[in-house]
Amino acid sequence: MSKSAAIRLLLADDHYVVRMGLAAICEQEDDLRIVAQAVDGAEAVELFRQHRPDVVLMDLFMPRLSGVEALRAIRKDSPSARVIMLTTYDADEDIYRALEAGACGYVLKNMPGEELFRAIRQAHVGRKYLPTVVASRLAERLEQPALTAREVEVMRLVVAGESNKEIAEAMKVTEHTAKMHLKNIFAKLGARDRTEAAMLVLRRGIVLLT
């Protein structure tokens, strides 16, 4: 296949070495061609509008706009855009957020090149692609009752080490209400205490360490 007829790719990753590595392995494939590279989410949106690539490989966490924020902006402008999230993270909440925002694939950076190429080719013909390990994590996420925005905020404060009294003050509620929020959260997560709940929300990507 001539490069002019190849699948046109936009790479978005803030790590230079990763981006160059992706470009190098993709360019070895006869049916893949890199048309642009972005160093952050905002540039990814801008370059997508300029080049209209067939498929975007988007890192999950980037400066200015995150991968999911950039994905939403691209899909708002072009609902048929085909974006694959490429990341080192397999937290169920990250996978759920990306797919909910319209990603057509979610590939881990430690997977073999052939898996990445398969995802790109599937995306190009309008199919979703999830490796087995990612599909399994997503299935687990979908089986769990979701935390409300208020409950996620409570858990951010718990992860930060705040007491029930401090959580109540921060959220402008009574301490009793803060305790009720925690009780509901424990039930949803299947956690026995705040320490276990904190570990679960961090592992699942519900709360991110900053």
N, C-alpha and C. Protein backbone atom coordinates (compact mmCIF):
# COMPACT_ATOMS: atom_id res chain seq x y z
N MET A 1 0.85 -1.20 0.00
CA MET A 1 0.00 0.00 0.00
C MET A 1 0.88 1.25 0.00
N SER A 2 0.54 2.23 -0.82
CA SER A 2 1.30 3.47 -0.83
C SER A 2 0.97 4.28 0.41
N LYS A 3 1.94 5.06 0.88
CA LYS A 3 1.73 5.86 2.09
C LYS A 3 0.60 6.88 1.91
N SER A 4 0.36 7.30 0.67
CA SER A 4 -0.71 8.28 0.43
C SER A 4 -2.08 7.68 0.69
N ALA A 5 -2.18 6.34 0.62
CA ALA A 5 -3.46 5.66 0.85
C ALA A 5 -3.54 5.06 2.25
N ALA A 6 -2.51 5.30 3.06
CA ALA A 6 -2.44 4.69 4.40
C ALA A 6 -3.38 5.37 5.38
N ILE A 7 -3.59 4.72 6.52
CA ILE A 7 -4.38 5.28 7.62
C ILE A 7 -3.59 6.45 8.21
N ARG A 8 -4.19 7.61 8.24
CA ARG A 8 -3.52 8.83 8.68
C ARG A 8 -3.69 8.98 10.20
N LEU A 9 -2.57 9.10 10.92
CA LEU A 9 -2.58 9.11 12.39
C LEU A 9 -2.13 10.44 12.98
N LEU A 10 -2.80 10.83 14.06
CA LEU A 10 -2.34 11.93 14.91
C LEU A 10 -1.91 11.31 16.23
N LEU A 11 -0.67 11.59 16.66
CA LEU A 11 -0.16 11.11 17.95
C LEU A 11 -0.21 12.25 18.96
N ALA A 12 -0.74 11.99 20.14
CA ALA A 12 -0.79 13.01 21.19
C ALA A 12 -0.24 12.41 22.48
N ASP A 13 0.95 12.86 22.87
CA ASP A 13 1.59 12.37 24.10
C ASP A 13 2.61 13.41 24.53
N ASP A 14 2.61 13.77 25.81
CA ASP A 14 3.53 14.81 26.27
C ASP A 14 4.94 14.30 26.51
N HIS A 15 5.16 13.00 26.43
CA HIS A 15 6.51 12.44 26.62
C HIS A 15 7.17 12.23 25.25
N TYR A 16 8.24 12.97 25.03
CA TYR A 16 8.93 12.96 23.73
C TYR A 16 9.37 11.56 23.32
N VAL A 17 9.99 10.83 24.23
CA VAL A 17 10.52 9.51 23.90
C VAL A 17 9.39 8.56 23.51
N VAL A 18 8.29 8.61 24.27
CA VAL A 18 7.13 7.76 23.95
C VAL A 18 6.57 8.12 22.58
N ARG A 19 6.44 9.42 22.34
CA ARG A 19 5.88 9.88 21.06
C ARG A 19 6.76 9.44 19.89
N MET A 20 8.06 9.61 20.03
CA MET A 20 8.99 9.21 18.97
C MET A 20 8.96 7.70 18.75
N GLY A 21 8.85 6.97 19.85
CA GLY A 21 8.78 5.51 19.75
C GLY A 21 7.53 5.05 19.01
N LEU A 22 6.40 5.67 19.34
CA LEU A 22 5.14 5.35 18.66
C LEU A 22 5.25 5.67 17.17
N ALA A 23 5.79 6.83 16.88
CA ALA A 23 5.94 7.24 15.48
C ALA A 23 6.81 6.25 14.72
N ALA A 24 7.90 5.81 15.34
CA ALA A 24 8.84 4.91 14.68
C ALA A 24 8.19 3.56 14.35
N ILE A 25 7.47 2.99 15.31
CA ILE A 25 6.89 1.66 15.05
C ILE A 25 5.71 1.76 14.09
N CYS A 26 4.95 2.85 14.17
CA CYS A 26 3.81 2.99 13.26
C CYS A 26 4.27 3.19 11.82
N GLU A 27 5.34 3.97 11.64
CA GLU A 27 5.83 4.25 10.29
C GLU A 27 6.42 3.00 9.62
N GLN A 28 6.71 1.97 10.42
CA GLN A 28 7.23 0.72 9.84
C GLN A 28 6.12 -0.07 9.14
N GLU A 29 4.87 0.25 9.49
CA GLU A 29 3.73 -0.44 8.88
C GLU A 29 3.34 0.25 7.57
N ASP A 30 3.19 -0.53 6.51
CA ASP A 30 2.90 0.05 5.20
C ASP A 30 1.59 0.82 5.15
N ASP A 31 0.63 0.41 6.01
CA ASP A 31 -0.70 1.04 5.93
C ASP A 31 -0.93 2.12 6.98
N LEU A 32 0.14 2.56 7.65
CA LEU A 32 0.01 3.61 8.67
C LEU A 32 0.92 4.79 8.32
N ARG A 33 0.42 6.01 8.54
CA ARG A 33 1.24 7.20 8.28
C ARG A 33 0.96 8.26 9.33
N ILE A 34 1.99 8.81 9.95
CA ILE A 34 1.85 9.88 10.93
C ILE A 34 1.71 11.21 10.20
N VAL A 35 0.62 11.93 10.50
CA VAL A 35 0.43 13.23 9.84
C VAL A 35 0.67 14.40 10.80
N ALA A 36 0.64 14.14 12.12
CA ALA A 36 0.88 15.22 13.08
C ALA A 36 1.16 14.62 14.45
N GLN A 37 1.86 15.41 15.29
CA GLN A 37 2.16 15.01 16.66
C GLN A 37 1.86 16.17 17.60
N ALA A 38 1.17 15.88 18.70
CA ALA A 38 0.82 16.90 19.68
C ALA A 38 1.50 16.60 21.01
N VAL A 39 1.89 17.68 21.72
CA VAL A 39 2.59 17.52 22.99
C VAL A 39 1.65 17.69 24.19
N ASP A 40 0.41 18.08 23.93
CA ASP A 40 -0.57 18.19 25.02
C ASP A 40 -1.98 18.11 24.43
N GLY A 41 -2.99 18.07 25.32
CA GLY A 41 -4.36 17.90 24.86
C GLY A 41 -4.88 19.04 24.02
N ALA A 42 -4.52 20.27 24.38
CA ALA A 42 -5.00 21.43 23.62
C ALA A 42 -4.44 21.42 22.21
N GLU A 43 -3.15 21.07 22.07
CA GLU A 43 -2.56 21.00 20.74
C GLU A 43 -3.17 19.86 19.93
N ALA A 44 -3.54 18.78 20.61
CA ALA A 44 -4.18 17.65 19.92
C ALA A 44 -5.48 18.10 19.26
N VAL A 45 -6.27 18.89 19.98
CA VAL A 45 -7.54 19.39 19.43
C VAL A 45 -7.27 20.29 18.22
N GLU A 46 -6.29 21.17 18.36
CA GLU A 46 -5.95 22.10 17.28
C GLU A 46 -5.46 21.35 16.04
N LEU A 47 -4.56 20.37 16.25
CA LEU A 47 -4.01 19.63 15.12
C LEU A 47 -5.05 18.72 14.47
N PHE A 48 -5.98 18.23 15.27
CA PHE A 48 -7.06 17.42 14.69
C PHE A 48 -7.85 18.27 13.70
N ARG A 49 -8.17 19.49 14.09
CA ARG A 49 -8.95 20.38 13.21
C ARG A 49 -8.18 20.71 11.93
N GLN A 50 -6.86 20.81 12.06
CA GLN A 50 -6.03 21.14 10.88
C GLN A 50 -5.89 19.96 9.92
N HIS A 51 -5.66 18.77 10.47
CA HIS A 51 -5.28 17.62 9.63
C HIS A 51 -6.40 16.61 9.39
N ARG A 52 -7.43 16.60 10.26
CA ARG A 52 -8.52 15.64 10.13
C ARG A 52 -7.99 14.21 9.91
N PRO A 53 -7.21 13.70 10.86
CA PRO A 53 -6.65 12.35 10.71
C PRO A 53 -7.73 11.27 10.75
N ASP A 54 -7.40 10.09 10.27
CA ASP A 54 -8.34 8.97 10.31
C ASP A 54 -8.49 8.44 11.74
N VAL A 55 -7.37 8.39 12.47
CA VAL A 55 -7.36 7.85 13.83
C VAL A 55 -6.42 8.70 14.69
N VAL A 56 -6.81 8.93 15.94
CA VAL A 56 -5.97 9.64 16.91
C VAL A 56 -5.52 8.66 17.99
N LEU A 57 -4.23 8.67 18.32
CA LEU A 57 -3.72 7.95 19.49
C LEU A 57 -3.49 8.99 20.57
N MET A 58 -4.26 8.91 21.64
CA MET A 58 -4.30 9.97 22.66
C MET A 58 -3.85 9.45 24.02
N ASP A 59 -2.82 10.09 24.57
CA ASP A 59 -2.40 9.76 25.94
C ASP A 59 -3.48 10.22 26.91
N LEU A 60 -3.64 9.49 28.01
CA LEU A 60 -4.72 9.79 28.96
C LEU A 60 -4.44 11.05 29.77
N PHE A 61 -3.22 11.19 30.27
CA PHE A 61 -2.88 12.33 31.12
C PHE A 61 -1.86 13.23 30.44
N MET A 62 -2.27 14.46 30.12
CA MET A 62 -1.41 15.43 29.45
C MET A 62 -1.66 16.82 30.01
N PRO A 63 -0.71 17.75 29.81
CA PRO A 63 -0.90 19.13 30.26
C PRO A 63 -2.00 19.84 29.49
N ARG A 64 -2.44 20.98 30.06
CA ARG A 64 -3.45 21.87 29.48
C ARG A 64 -4.82 21.20 29.38
N LEU A 65 -4.97 20.21 28.53
CA LEU A 65 -6.19 19.41 28.50
C LEU A 65 -5.81 17.95 28.68
N SER A 66 -6.55 17.23 29.52
CA SER A 66 -6.29 15.80 29.66
C SER A 66 -6.73 15.09 28.38
N GLY A 67 -6.35 13.83 28.25
CA GLY A 67 -6.76 13.07 27.08
C GLY A 67 -8.27 13.00 26.92
N VAL A 68 -8.98 12.80 28.05
CA VAL A 68 -10.44 12.70 27.99
C VAL A 68 -11.06 14.06 27.63
N GLU A 69 -10.51 15.14 28.17
CA GLU A 69 -11.03 16.47 27.82
C GLU A 69 -10.80 16.78 26.35
N ALA A 70 -9.62 16.42 25.84
CA ALA A 70 -9.32 16.63 24.42
C ALA A 70 -10.23 15.77 23.56
N LEU A 71 -10.46 14.54 24.00
CA LEU A 71 -11.37 13.64 23.28
C LEU A 71 -12.76 14.24 23.17
N ARG A 72 -13.26 14.78 24.28
CA ARG A 72 -14.60 15.39 24.26
C ARG A 72 -14.65 16.58 23.30
N ALA A 73 -13.59 17.40 23.31
CA ALA A 73 -13.55 18.57 22.44
C ALA A 73 -13.51 18.14 20.97
N ILE A 74 -12.74 17.12 20.67
CA ILE A 74 -12.65 16.63 19.29
C ILE A 74 -13.98 16.04 18.84
N ARG A 75 -14.60 15.26 19.71
CA ARG A 75 -15.88 14.62 19.35
C ARG A 75 -17.01 15.64 19.23
N LYS A 76 -16.93 16.72 19.98
CA LYS A 76 -17.94 17.77 19.86
C LYS A 76 -17.85 18.42 18.48
N ASP A 77 -16.63 18.61 18.02
CA ASP A 77 -16.39 19.22 16.71
C ASP A 77 -16.62 18.23 15.58
N SER A 78 -16.28 16.96 15.84
CA SER A 78 -16.38 15.92 14.81
C SER A 78 -16.86 14.62 15.47
N PRO A 79 -18.18 14.42 15.56
CA PRO A 79 -18.74 13.26 16.28
C PRO A 79 -18.27 11.90 15.76
N SER A 80 -17.82 11.84 14.53
CA SER A 80 -17.37 10.57 13.97
C SER A 80 -15.88 10.31 14.17
N ALA A 81 -15.19 11.22 14.88
CA ALA A 81 -13.74 11.07 15.11
C ALA A 81 -13.44 9.75 15.81
N ARG A 82 -12.35 9.12 15.40
CA ARG A 82 -11.96 7.83 15.96
C ARG A 82 -10.70 8.03 16.80
N VAL A 83 -10.89 7.92 18.11
CA VAL A 83 -9.80 8.20 19.06
C VAL A 83 -9.55 6.98 19.93
N ILE A 84 -8.29 6.58 20.00
CA ILE A 84 -7.86 5.47 20.86
C ILE A 84 -7.07 6.06 22.02
N MET A 85 -7.47 5.72 23.23
CA MET A 85 -6.72 6.16 24.40
C MET A 85 -5.55 5.21 24.60
N LEU A 86 -4.37 5.78 24.77
CA LEU A 86 -3.14 5.01 24.93
C LEU A 86 -2.50 5.42 26.25
N THR A 87 -2.37 4.48 27.17
CA THR A 87 -1.98 4.87 28.52
C THR A 87 -1.28 3.75 29.27
N THR A 88 -0.65 4.10 30.37
CA THR A 88 -0.06 3.09 31.25
C THR A 88 -1.05 2.67 32.33
N TYR A 89 -2.21 3.33 32.40
CA TYR A 89 -3.17 3.11 33.48
C TYR A 89 -4.30 2.18 33.05
N ASP A 90 -4.60 1.18 33.91
CA ASP A 90 -5.72 0.29 33.60
C ASP A 90 -6.79 0.36 34.70
N ALA A 91 -6.87 1.53 35.37
CA ALA A 91 -7.89 1.72 36.41
C ALA A 91 -9.27 1.72 35.76
N ASP A 92 -10.22 1.01 36.38
CA ASP A 92 -11.53 0.85 35.76
C ASP A 92 -12.23 2.18 35.51
N GLU A 93 -12.07 3.16 36.42
CA GLU A 93 -12.75 4.43 36.24
C GLU A 93 -12.17 5.20 35.05
N ASP A 94 -10.86 5.10 34.84
CA ASP A 94 -10.24 5.75 33.68
C ASP A 94 -10.78 5.16 32.39
N ILE A 95 -10.88 3.83 32.34
CA ILE A 95 -11.41 3.16 31.15
C ILE A 95 -12.85 3.61 30.91
N TYR A 96 -13.65 3.61 31.97
CA TYR A 96 -15.06 3.99 31.86
C TYR A 96 -15.21 5.43 31.35
N ARG A 97 -14.44 6.36 31.93
CA ARG A 97 -14.53 7.77 31.51
C ARG A 97 -14.16 7.94 30.04
N ALA A 98 -13.11 7.26 29.61
CA ALA A 98 -12.66 7.38 28.22
C ALA A 98 -13.71 6.86 27.26
N LEU A 99 -14.27 5.70 27.54
CA LEU A 99 -15.26 5.11 26.64
C LEU A 99 -16.56 5.90 26.68
N GLU A 100 -16.92 6.41 27.85
CA GLU A 100 -18.12 7.23 27.98
C GLU A 100 -17.98 8.51 27.14
N ALA A 101 -16.74 9.03 27.05
CA ALA A 101 -16.49 10.25 26.28
C ALA A 101 -16.43 9.99 24.78
N GLY A 102 -16.43 8.70 24.38
CA GLY A 102 -16.48 8.39 22.96
C GLY A 102 -15.24 7.73 22.38
N ALA A 103 -14.30 7.30 23.23
CA ALA A 103 -13.12 6.60 22.71
C ALA A 103 -13.55 5.30 22.03
N CYS A 104 -12.87 4.95 20.95
CA CYS A 104 -13.21 3.69 20.28
C CYS A 104 -12.22 2.59 20.63
N GLY A 105 -11.28 2.90 21.49
CA GLY A 105 -10.33 1.89 21.95
C GLY A 105 -9.56 2.39 23.15
N TYR A 106 -8.97 1.46 23.90
CA TYR A 106 -8.21 1.79 25.09
C TYR A 106 -7.07 0.78 25.16
N VAL A 107 -5.86 1.23 24.84
CA VAL A 107 -4.72 0.33 24.73
C VAL A 107 -3.64 0.71 25.74
N LEU A 108 -3.11 -0.27 26.43
CA LEU A 108 -2.05 -0.03 27.41
C LEU A 108 -0.69 0.04 26.71
N LYS A 109 0.16 0.94 27.18
CA LYS A 109 1.45 1.18 26.51
C LYS A 109 2.40 -0.01 26.60
N ASN A 110 2.17 -0.90 27.55
CA ASN A 110 3.08 -2.05 27.67
C ASN A 110 2.65 -3.24 26.81
N MET A 111 1.60 -3.05 26.00
CA MET A 111 1.13 -4.14 25.15
C MET A 111 1.98 -4.21 23.87
N PRO A 112 2.02 -5.38 23.23
CA PRO A 112 2.83 -5.53 22.01
C PRO A 112 2.35 -4.61 20.89
N GLY A 113 3.28 -4.27 19.99
CA GLY A 113 2.94 -3.39 18.88
C GLY A 113 1.79 -3.93 18.05
N GLU A 114 1.73 -5.25 17.86
CA GLU A 114 0.66 -5.83 17.04
C GLU A 114 -0.72 -5.52 17.61
N GLU A 115 -0.80 -5.45 18.94
CA GLU A 115 -2.08 -5.13 19.58
C GLU A 115 -2.48 -3.69 19.25
N LEU A 116 -1.50 -2.79 19.28
CA LEU A 116 -1.76 -1.39 18.93
C LEU A 116 -2.21 -1.28 17.47
N PHE A 117 -1.51 -1.96 16.57
CA PHE A 117 -1.86 -1.90 15.15
C PHE A 117 -3.27 -2.45 14.92
N ARG A 118 -3.60 -3.52 15.64
CA ARG A 118 -4.94 -4.10 15.51
C ARG A 118 -6.00 -3.09 15.94
N ALA A 119 -5.71 -2.38 17.04
CA ALA A 119 -6.65 -1.37 17.53
C ALA A 119 -6.84 -0.26 16.51
N ILE A 120 -5.74 0.19 15.90
CA ILE A 120 -5.80 1.27 14.91
C ILE A 120 -6.63 0.83 13.69
N ARG A 121 -6.37 -0.37 13.22
CA ARG A 121 -7.09 -0.85 12.03
C ARG A 121 -8.57 -1.08 12.32
N GLN A 122 -8.87 -1.55 13.52
CA GLN A 122 -10.28 -1.74 13.90
C GLN A 122 -10.98 -0.38 14.00
N ALA A 123 -10.30 0.59 14.61
CA ALA A 123 -10.88 1.93 14.74
C ALA A 123 -11.13 2.54 13.37
N HIS A 124 -10.22 2.32 12.45
CA HIS A 124 -10.34 2.91 11.12
C HIS A 124 -11.59 2.45 10.38
N VAL A 125 -12.01 1.22 10.65
CA VAL A 125 -13.23 0.71 9.99
C VAL A 125 -14.46 0.86 10.88
N GLY A 126 -14.31 1.65 11.95
CA GLY A 126 -15.47 1.97 12.78
C GLY A 126 -15.80 0.98 13.88
N ARG A 127 -14.84 0.14 14.25
CA ARG A 127 -15.09 -0.85 15.31
C ARG A 127 -14.35 -0.45 16.58
N LYS A 128 -14.93 -0.83 17.71
CA LYS A 128 -14.26 -0.60 18.99
C LYS A 128 -13.25 -1.72 19.25
N TYR A 129 -12.20 -1.37 20.00
CA TYR A 129 -11.19 -2.38 20.33
C TYR A 129 -10.79 -2.24 21.79
N LEU A 130 -10.99 -3.32 22.54
CA LEU A 130 -10.57 -3.37 23.94
C LEU A 130 -9.81 -4.66 24.19
N PRO A 131 -8.54 -4.60 24.58
CA PRO A 131 -7.82 -5.82 24.94
C PRO A 131 -8.57 -6.54 26.07
N THR A 132 -8.34 -7.83 26.20
CA THR A 132 -9.07 -8.64 27.17
C THR A 132 -8.97 -8.08 28.58
N VAL A 133 -7.75 -7.68 29.01
CA VAL A 133 -7.57 -7.19 30.37
C VAL A 133 -8.37 -5.90 30.60
N VAL A 134 -8.45 -5.05 29.58
CA VAL A 134 -9.20 -3.80 29.69
C VAL A 134 -10.70 -4.07 29.71
N ALA A 135 -11.16 -4.99 28.86
CA ALA A 135 -12.58 -5.35 28.83
C ALA A 135 -13.01 -5.93 30.17
N SER A 136 -12.13 -6.70 30.79
CA SER A 136 -12.43 -7.30 32.10
C SER A 136 -12.58 -6.23 33.17
N ARG A 137 -11.67 -5.23 33.16
CA ARG A 137 -11.75 -4.15 34.14
C ARG A 137 -13.01 -3.31 33.93
N LEU A 138 -13.37 -3.10 32.67
CA LEU A 138 -14.58 -2.33 32.37
C LEU A 138 -15.82 -3.08 32.87
N ALA A 139 -15.85 -4.39 32.68
CA ALA A 139 -16.98 -5.19 33.14
C ALA A 139 -17.13 -5.08 34.65
N GLU A 140 -16.00 -5.10 35.37
CA GLU A 140 -16.04 -4.94 36.83
C GLU A 140 -16.61 -3.58 37.19
N ARG A 141 -16.18 -2.55 36.48
CA ARG A 141 -16.67 -1.18 36.76
C ARG A 141 -18.17 -1.08 36.55
N LEU A 142 -18.67 -1.68 35.48
CA LEU A 142 -20.09 -1.57 35.16
C LEU A 142 -20.96 -2.33 36.16
N GLU A 143 -20.37 -3.28 36.87
CA GLU A 143 -21.11 -4.04 37.88
C GLU A 143 -21.22 -3.28 39.19
N GLN A 144 -20.41 -2.23 39.36
CA GLN A 144 -20.37 -1.50 40.63
C GLN A 144 -21.28 -0.28 40.58
N PRO A 145 -22.01 -0.01 41.67
CA PRO A 145 -22.78 1.24 41.71
C PRO A 145 -21.84 2.44 41.73
N ALA A 146 -22.11 3.43 40.92
CA ALA A 146 -21.22 4.59 40.80
C ALA A 146 -21.36 5.53 42.00
N LEU A 147 -20.25 6.14 42.40
CA LEU A 147 -20.30 7.16 43.44
C LEU A 147 -20.85 8.45 42.83
N THR A 148 -21.62 9.18 43.60
CA THR A 148 -22.10 10.48 43.14
C THR A 148 -20.95 11.49 43.19
N ALA A 149 -21.13 12.64 42.54
CA ALA A 149 -20.10 13.68 42.55
C ALA A 149 -19.78 14.09 43.99
N ARG A 150 -20.82 14.15 44.81
CA ARG A 150 -20.66 14.52 46.23
C ARG A 150 -19.83 13.47 46.96
N GLU A 151 -20.08 12.21 46.68
CA GLU A 151 -19.35 11.14 47.34
C GLU A 151 -17.89 11.10 46.87
N VAL A 152 -17.67 11.40 45.61
CA VAL A 152 -16.28 11.47 45.11
C VAL A 152 -15.53 12.58 45.83
N GLU A 153 -16.21 13.72 46.06
CA GLU A 153 -15.57 14.83 46.78
C GLU A 153 -15.23 14.41 48.21
N VAL A 154 -16.13 13.68 48.85
CA VAL A 154 -15.85 13.17 50.21
C VAL A 154 -14.59 12.31 50.19
N MET A 155 -14.49 11.43 49.19
CA MET A 155 -13.34 10.53 49.13
C MET A 155 -12.05 11.27 48.80
N ARG A 156 -12.14 12.37 48.05
CA ARG A 156 -10.93 13.18 47.82
C ARG A 156 -10.41 13.71 49.16
N LEU A 157 -11.33 14.12 50.01
CA LEU A 157 -10.95 14.64 51.33
C LEU A 157 -10.42 13.54 52.23
N VAL A 158 -11.02 12.35 52.12
CA VAL A 158 -10.54 11.21 52.91
C VAL A 158 -9.12 10.86 52.48
N VAL A 159 -8.88 10.79 51.19
CA VAL A 159 -7.55 10.47 50.67
C VAL A 159 -6.53 11.52 51.12
N ALA A 160 -6.99 12.78 51.24
CA ALA A 160 -6.11 13.86 51.70
C ALA A 160 -5.85 13.81 53.20
N GLY A 161 -6.51 12.85 53.90
CA GLY A 161 -6.27 12.67 55.32
C GLY A 161 -7.17 13.48 56.24
N GLU A 162 -8.25 14.04 55.69
CA GLU A 162 -9.16 14.87 56.50
C GLU A 162 -10.02 14.00 57.42
N SER A 163 -10.31 14.52 58.61
CA SER A 163 -11.19 13.84 59.55
C SER A 163 -12.65 14.09 59.16
N ASN A 164 -13.57 13.38 59.83
CA ASN A 164 -15.00 13.60 59.54
C ASN A 164 -15.40 15.05 59.80
N LYS A 165 -14.85 15.62 60.87
CA LYS A 165 -15.16 17.01 61.20
C LYS A 165 -14.65 17.94 60.11
N GLU A 166 -13.43 17.69 59.64
CA GLU A 166 -12.85 18.54 58.60
C GLU A 166 -13.59 18.38 57.27
N ILE A 167 -14.04 17.15 56.98
CA ILE A 167 -14.83 16.92 55.77
C ILE A 167 -16.14 17.70 55.85
N ALA A 168 -16.79 17.66 57.01
CA ALA A 168 -18.05 18.37 57.20
C ALA A 168 -17.85 19.88 57.00
N GLU A 169 -16.77 20.41 57.56
CA GLU A 169 -16.50 21.85 57.42
C GLU A 169 -16.22 22.23 55.97
N ALA A 170 -15.44 21.40 55.30
CA ALA A 170 -15.08 21.68 53.90
C ALA A 170 -16.29 21.64 52.99
N MET A 171 -17.22 20.74 53.29
CA MET A 171 -18.39 20.57 52.43
C MET A 171 -19.61 21.34 52.92
N LYS A 172 -19.41 22.04 54.07
CA LYS A 172 -20.49 22.85 54.65
C LYS A 172 -21.73 22.02 54.96
N VAL A 173 -21.49 20.88 55.62
CA VAL A 173 -22.58 20.01 56.08
C VAL A 173 -22.30 19.66 57.53
N THR A 174 -23.24 18.98 58.18
CA THR A 174 -23.01 18.55 59.55
C THR A 174 -22.09 17.34 59.56
N GLU A 175 -21.50 17.08 60.71
CA GLU A 175 -20.64 15.91 60.83
C GLU A 175 -21.45 14.63 60.64
N HIS A 176 -22.70 14.65 61.08
CA HIS A 176 -23.57 13.49 60.89
C HIS A 176 -23.77 13.20 59.40
N THR A 177 -23.98 14.25 58.61
CA THR A 177 -24.15 14.08 57.16
C THR A 177 -22.89 13.53 56.52
N ALA A 178 -21.74 14.01 56.98
CA ALA A 178 -20.46 13.51 56.46
C ALA A 178 -20.33 12.01 56.75
N LYS A 179 -20.72 11.61 57.96
CA LYS A 179 -20.65 10.19 58.33
C LYS A 179 -21.60 9.35 57.48
N MET A 180 -22.77 9.90 57.17
CA MET A 180 -23.74 9.18 56.34
C MET A 180 -23.20 9.00 54.92
N HIS A 181 -22.54 10.05 54.42
CA HIS A 181 -21.91 9.93 53.10
C HIS A 181 -20.91 8.78 53.10
N LEU A 182 -20.09 8.73 54.13
CA LEU A 182 -19.08 7.69 54.23
C LEU A 182 -19.71 6.30 54.33
N LYS A 183 -20.78 6.19 55.08
CA LYS A 183 -21.48 4.91 55.22
C LYS A 183 -21.98 4.42 53.86
N ASN A 184 -22.56 5.34 53.08
CA ASN A 184 -23.06 4.99 51.75
C ASN A 184 -21.91 4.60 50.81
N ILE A 185 -20.81 5.34 50.93
CA ILE A 185 -19.63 5.06 50.10
C ILE A 185 -19.08 3.67 50.41
N PHE A 186 -18.95 3.35 51.69
CA PHE A 186 -18.43 2.04 52.09
C PHE A 186 -19.30 0.93 51.49
N ALA A 187 -20.61 1.12 51.53
CA ALA A 187 -21.53 0.10 51.01
C ALA A 187 -21.34 -0.07 49.50
N LYS A 188 -21.20 1.03 48.78
CA LYS A 188 -21.03 0.95 47.32
C LYS A 188 -19.71 0.30 46.94
N LEU A 189 -18.66 0.62 47.69
CA LEU A 189 -17.33 0.11 47.36
C LEU A 189 -17.08 -1.29 47.93
N GLY A 190 -17.91 -1.69 48.90
CA GLY A 190 -17.64 -2.95 49.59
C GLY A 190 -16.45 -2.83 50.51
N ALA A 191 -16.27 -1.63 51.08
CA ALA A 191 -15.12 -1.35 51.95
C ALA A 191 -15.53 -1.45 53.42
N ARG A 192 -14.60 -1.88 54.24
CA ARG A 192 -14.89 -2.02 55.67
C ARG A 192 -14.64 -0.73 56.44
N ASP A 193 -13.73 0.10 55.96
CA ASP A 193 -13.40 1.32 56.69
C ASP A 193 -12.84 2.36 55.70
N ARG A 194 -12.50 3.54 56.22
CA ARG A 194 -12.04 4.62 55.35
C ARG A 194 -10.70 4.33 54.70
N THR A 195 -9.84 3.57 55.37
CA THR A 195 -8.55 3.22 54.78
C THR A 195 -8.73 2.33 53.56
N GLU A 196 -9.58 1.32 53.69
CA GLU A 196 -9.83 0.43 52.57
C GLU A 196 -10.54 1.18 51.44
N ALA A 197 -11.47 2.07 51.81
CA ALA A 197 -12.18 2.86 50.80
C ALA A 197 -11.20 3.75 50.04
N ALA A 198 -10.26 4.35 50.76
CA ALA A 198 -9.26 5.21 50.11
C ALA A 198 -8.41 4.41 49.13
N MET A 199 -7.99 3.21 49.54
CA MET A 199 -7.19 2.37 48.66
C MET A 199 -7.96 1.99 47.40
N LEU A 200 -9.25 1.71 47.56
CA LEU A 200 -10.08 1.29 46.43
C LEU A 200 -10.30 2.42 45.42
N VAL A 201 -10.59 3.62 45.92
CA VAL A 201 -10.85 4.73 44.97
C VAL A 201 -9.58 5.14 44.24
N LEU A 202 -8.43 4.97 44.89
CA LEU A 202 -7.16 5.26 44.22
C LEU A 202 -6.84 4.20 43.18
N ARG A 203 -7.03 2.94 43.54
CA ARG A 203 -6.72 1.85 42.61
C ARG A 203 -7.64 1.88 41.39
N ARG A 204 -8.90 2.23 41.61
CA ARG A 204 -9.86 2.24 40.50
C ARG A 204 -9.84 3.55 39.70
N GLY A 205 -9.06 4.52 40.18
CA GLY A 205 -8.97 5.78 39.44
C GLY A 205 -10.12 6.72 39.68
N ILE A 206 -10.93 6.46 40.72
CA ILE A 206 -12.05 7.35 41.04
C ILE A 206 -11.51 8.67 41.58
N VAL A 207 -10.46 8.57 42.38
CA VAL A 207 -9.75 9.74 42.91
C VAL A 207 -8.30 9.62 42.46
N LEU A 208 -7.73 10.72 41.99
CA LEU A 208 -6.35 10.72 41.53
C LEU A 208 -5.47 11.49 42.51
N LEU A 209 -4.29 10.97 42.77
CA LEU A 209 -3.35 11.70 43.61
C LEU A 209 -2.77 12.86 42.82
N THR A 210 -2.66 14.02 43.45
CA THR A 210 -2.10 15.19 42.75
C THR A 210 -0.75 15.56 43.33
